[in-house]
């Protein structure tokens, strides 16, 4: 979240309600045991992020 949204990341994780997660925030969904990949997909769709942000872990591997 911090990589995609900077300093707003933690706040968005706590406050942004995600339709794809039945109206939960990212923090709530993770606490409920939702897979991190599923949570990130919901964030990605809700925030309408650019394609290069969809799989940030893959981008990190390419940099190495």
C-alpha atoms as a PDB file:
ATOM      1  CA  UNK A   1       0.000   0.000   0.000  1.00  0.00           C
ATOM      2  CA  UNK A   2       2.780   2.398   0.866  1.00  0.00           C
ATOM      3  CA  UNK A   3       4.537   1.731  -2.442  1.00  0.00           C
ATOM      4  CA  UNK A   4       1.408   2.475  -4.455  1.00  0.00           C
ATOM      5  CA  UNK A   5      -0.006   5.336  -2.374  1.00  0.00           C
ATOM      6  CA  UNK A   6       2.955   6.743  -0.459  1.00  0.00           C
ATOM      7  CA  UNK A   7       2.246   8.095   3.007  1.00  0.00           C
ATOM      8  CA  UNK A   8      -1.506   7.693   2.412  1.00  0.00           C
ATOM      9  CA  UNK A   9      -1.151   3.897   2.159  1.00  0.00           C
ATOM     10  CA  UNK A  10      -1.727   3.041   5.827  1.00  0.00           C
ATOM     11  CA  UNK A  11      -4.693   5.387   6.043  1.00  0.00           C
ATOM     12  CA  UNK A  12      -6.274   3.916   2.920  1.00  0.00           C
ATOM     13  CA  UNK A  13      -5.726   0.378   4.225  1.00  0.00           C
ATOM     14  CA  UNK A  14      -7.624   1.340   7.364  1.00  0.00           C
ATOM     15  CA  UNK A  15     -10.353   3.505   5.831  1.00  0.00           C
ATOM     16  CA  UNK A  16     -11.003   2.649   2.162  1.00  0.00           C
ATOM     17  CA  UNK A  17     -14.062   0.379   1.939  1.00  0.00           C
ATOM     18  CA  UNK A  18     -13.619  -2.171  -0.841  1.00  0.00           C
ATOM     19  CA  UNK A  19     -16.699  -3.469  -2.645  1.00  0.00           C
ATOM     20  CA  UNK A  20     -14.819  -6.542  -3.827  1.00  0.00           C
ATOM     21  CA  UNK A  21     -14.309  -7.510  -0.186  1.00  0.00           C
ATOM     22  CA  UNK A  22     -17.935  -7.253   0.904  1.00  0.00           C
ATOM     23  CA  UNK A  23     -17.603  -3.716   2.200  1.00  0.00           C
ATOM     24  CA  UNK A  24     -14.532  -4.350   4.345  1.00  0.00           C
ATOM     25  CA  UNK A  25     -11.334  -2.340   4.420  1.00  0.00           C
ATOM     26  CA  UNK A  26      -8.027  -3.950   3.495  1.00  0.00           C
ATOM     27  CA  UNK A  27      -7.107  -4.174   7.182  1.00  0.00           C
ATOM     28  CA  UNK A  28     -10.423  -5.816   8.083  1.00  0.00           C
ATOM     29  CA  UNK A  29     -10.195  -8.306   5.228  1.00  0.00           C
ATOM     30  CA  UNK A  30      -6.650  -9.323   6.138  1.00  0.00           C
ATOM     31  CA  UNK A  31      -7.651  -9.702   9.782  1.00  0.00           C
ATOM     32  CA  UNK A  32     -10.522 -11.924   8.631  1.00  0.00           C
ATOM     33  CA  UNK A  33      -8.087 -14.188   6.805  1.00  0.00           C
ATOM     34  CA  UNK A  34      -8.593 -13.009   3.229  1.00  0.00           C
ATOM     35  CA  UNK A  35      -5.519 -13.764   1.105  1.00  0.00           C
ATOM     36  CA  UNK A  36      -3.263 -10.731   0.578  1.00  0.00           C
ATOM     37  CA  UNK A  37      -3.420 -11.200  -3.202  1.00  0.00           C
ATOM     38  CA  UNK A  38      -7.218 -11.002  -3.110  1.00  0.00           C
ATOM     39  CA  UNK A  39      -7.066  -7.878  -0.953  1.00  0.00           C
ATOM     40  CA  UNK A  40      -4.571  -6.227  -3.292  1.00  0.00           C
ATOM     41  CA  UNK A  41      -6.733  -7.057  -6.316  1.00  0.00           C
ATOM     42  CA  UNK A  42      -9.685  -5.325  -4.632  1.00  0.00           C
ATOM     43  CA  UNK A  43      -7.525  -2.280  -3.844  1.00  0.00           C
ATOM     44  CA  UNK A  44      -6.179  -2.226  -7.398  1.00  0.00           C
ATOM     45  CA  UNK A  45      -9.674  -2.308  -8.930  1.00  0.00           C
ATOM     46  CA  UNK A  46     -11.242   0.158  -6.486  1.00  0.00           C
ATOM     47  CA  UNK A  47      -8.427   2.698  -6.801  1.00  0.00           C
ATOM     48  CA  UNK A  48      -8.214   2.258 -10.586  1.00  0.00           C
ATOM     49  CA  UNK A  49      -4.451   1.914 -10.427  1.00  0.00           C
ATOM     50  CA  UNK A  50      -2.387   1.702 -13.626  1.00  0.00           C
ATOM     51  CA  UNK A  51      -1.482  -1.746 -14.947  1.00  0.00           C
ATOM     52  CA  UNK A  52       2.142  -1.498 -13.760  1.00  0.00           C
ATOM     53  CA  UNK A  53       0.887  -1.359 -10.156  1.00  0.00           C
ATOM     54  CA  UNK A  54      -1.180  -4.538 -10.474  1.00  0.00           C
ATOM     55  CA  UNK A  55       1.666  -6.904  -9.616  1.00  0.00           C
ATOM     56  CA  UNK A  56       4.240  -4.827  -7.701  1.00  0.00           C
ATOM     57  CA  UNK A  57       6.073  -7.917  -6.428  1.00  0.00           C
ATOM     58  CA  UNK A  58       6.824  -8.907 -10.017  1.00  0.00           C
ATOM     59  CA  UNK A  59       8.214  -5.449 -10.782  1.00  0.00           C
ATOM     60  CA  UNK A  60      10.613  -5.801  -7.847  1.00  0.00           C
ATOM     61  CA  UNK A  61      11.960  -9.067  -9.263  1.00  0.00           C
ATOM     62  CA  UNK A  62      12.564  -7.435 -12.647  1.00  0.00           C
ATOM     63  CA  UNK A  63      14.635  -4.658 -11.037  1.00  0.00           C
ATOM     64  CA  UNK A  64      17.111  -7.149  -9.564  1.00  0.00           C
END
